[in-house]
């Protein structure tokens, strides 16, 4: 949830696209761990 809210902030301000992608990769990495 926190990451999603952060993502919305990133989309609104667009400060650093790479940072947004990195956060998304970290989220997917943890999500895969939980899924499996």
N, C-alpha and C. Protein backbone atom coordinates (compact mmCIF):
# COMPACT_ATOMS: atom_id res chain seq x y z
N UNK A 1 0.84 -1.21 0.00
CA UNK A 1 0.00 0.00 0.00
C UNK A 1 0.87 1.26 0.00
N UNK A 2 1.86 1.26 0.87
CA UNK A 2 2.75 2.43 0.96
C UNK A 2 3.44 2.65 -0.39
N UNK A 3 3.86 1.55 -1.01
CA UNK A 3 4.56 1.66 -2.30
C UNK A 3 3.63 2.22 -3.36
N UNK A 4 2.35 1.77 -3.32
CA UNK A 4 1.38 2.27 -4.31
C UNK A 4 1.19 3.77 -4.13
N UNK A 5 1.07 4.22 -2.88
CA UNK A 5 0.90 5.65 -2.63
C UNK A 5 2.14 6.40 -3.13
N UNK A 6 3.30 5.82 -2.88
CA UNK A 6 4.54 6.44 -3.35
C UNK A 6 4.54 6.51 -4.87
N UNK A 7 4.07 5.45 -5.51
CA UNK A 7 4.03 5.44 -6.97
C UNK A 7 3.16 6.57 -7.49
N UNK A 8 2.01 6.80 -6.85
CA UNK A 8 1.14 7.90 -7.27
C UNK A 8 1.87 9.23 -7.14
N UNK A 9 2.64 9.40 -6.06
CA UNK A 9 3.41 10.63 -5.88
C UNK A 9 4.43 10.78 -7.01
N UNK A 10 5.08 9.66 -7.35
CA UNK A 10 6.08 9.70 -8.42
C UNK A 10 5.42 10.11 -9.73
N UNK A 11 4.26 9.56 -10.01
CA UNK A 11 3.57 9.88 -11.27
C UNK A 11 3.18 11.35 -11.30
N UNK A 12 2.74 11.87 -10.16
CA UNK A 12 2.31 13.27 -10.13
C UNK A 12 3.48 14.24 -10.32
N UNK A 13 4.58 13.97 -9.60
CA UNK A 13 5.71 14.90 -9.64
C UNK A 13 6.73 14.53 -10.72
N UNK A 14 6.83 13.24 -11.05
CA UNK A 14 7.81 12.76 -12.03
C UNK A 14 9.22 13.26 -11.71
N UNK A 15 9.73 13.01 -10.50
CA UNK A 15 11.06 13.48 -10.15
C UNK A 15 12.16 12.62 -10.77
N UNK A 16 11.97 11.30 -10.73
CA UNK A 16 13.03 10.41 -11.16
C UNK A 16 12.42 9.10 -11.63
N UNK A 17 12.38 8.90 -12.92
CA UNK A 17 11.75 7.70 -13.47
C UNK A 17 12.50 6.44 -13.04
N UNK A 18 13.81 6.51 -12.98
CA UNK A 18 14.61 5.34 -12.59
C UNK A 18 14.28 4.91 -11.17
N UNK A 19 14.06 5.89 -10.29
CA UNK A 19 13.73 5.56 -8.91
C UNK A 19 12.39 4.84 -8.85
N UNK A 20 11.44 5.28 -9.68
CA UNK A 20 10.12 4.66 -9.73
C UNK A 20 10.23 3.22 -10.22
N UNK A 21 11.04 3.01 -11.25
CA UNK A 21 11.24 1.66 -11.79
C UNK A 21 11.90 0.78 -10.75
N UNK A 22 12.88 1.31 -10.04
CA UNK A 22 13.58 0.53 -9.01
C UNK A 22 12.60 0.10 -7.92
N UNK A 23 11.75 1.03 -7.49
CA UNK A 23 10.77 0.70 -6.45
C UNK A 23 9.82 -0.38 -6.96
N UNK A 24 9.44 -0.30 -8.22
CA UNK A 24 8.54 -1.30 -8.80
C UNK A 24 9.22 -2.66 -8.85
N UNK A 25 10.50 -2.70 -9.21
CA UNK A 25 11.24 -3.96 -9.27
C UNK A 25 11.33 -4.58 -7.88
N UNK A 26 11.59 -3.75 -6.87
CA UNK A 26 11.68 -4.25 -5.50
C UNK A 26 10.34 -4.83 -5.08
N UNK A 27 9.25 -4.14 -5.44
CA UNK A 27 7.90 -4.61 -5.10
C UNK A 27 7.63 -5.96 -5.75
N UNK A 28 7.96 -6.08 -7.04
CA UNK A 28 7.73 -7.34 -7.75
C UNK A 28 8.59 -8.46 -7.17
N UNK A 29 9.81 -8.14 -6.78
CA UNK A 29 10.71 -9.14 -6.20
C UNK A 29 10.10 -9.71 -4.92
N UNK A 30 9.62 -8.83 -4.03
CA UNK A 30 9.01 -9.29 -2.78
C UNK A 30 7.70 -10.01 -3.05
N UNK A 31 6.93 -9.53 -4.02
CA UNK A 31 5.65 -10.15 -4.35
C UNK A 31 5.86 -11.58 -4.84
N UNK A 32 6.89 -11.78 -5.65
CA UNK A 32 7.18 -13.13 -6.16
C UNK A 32 7.56 -14.04 -5.00
N UNK A 33 8.33 -13.52 -4.05
CA UNK A 33 8.73 -14.32 -2.89
C UNK A 33 7.50 -14.78 -2.11
N UNK A 34 6.55 -13.88 -1.95
CA UNK A 34 5.33 -14.22 -1.20
C UNK A 34 4.45 -15.17 -2.02
N UNK A 35 4.40 -14.93 -3.33
CA UNK A 35 3.55 -15.76 -4.20
C UNK A 35 4.05 -17.21 -4.20
N UNK A 36 5.37 -17.39 -4.19
CA UNK A 36 5.92 -18.74 -4.21
C UNK A 36 6.30 -19.13 -2.81
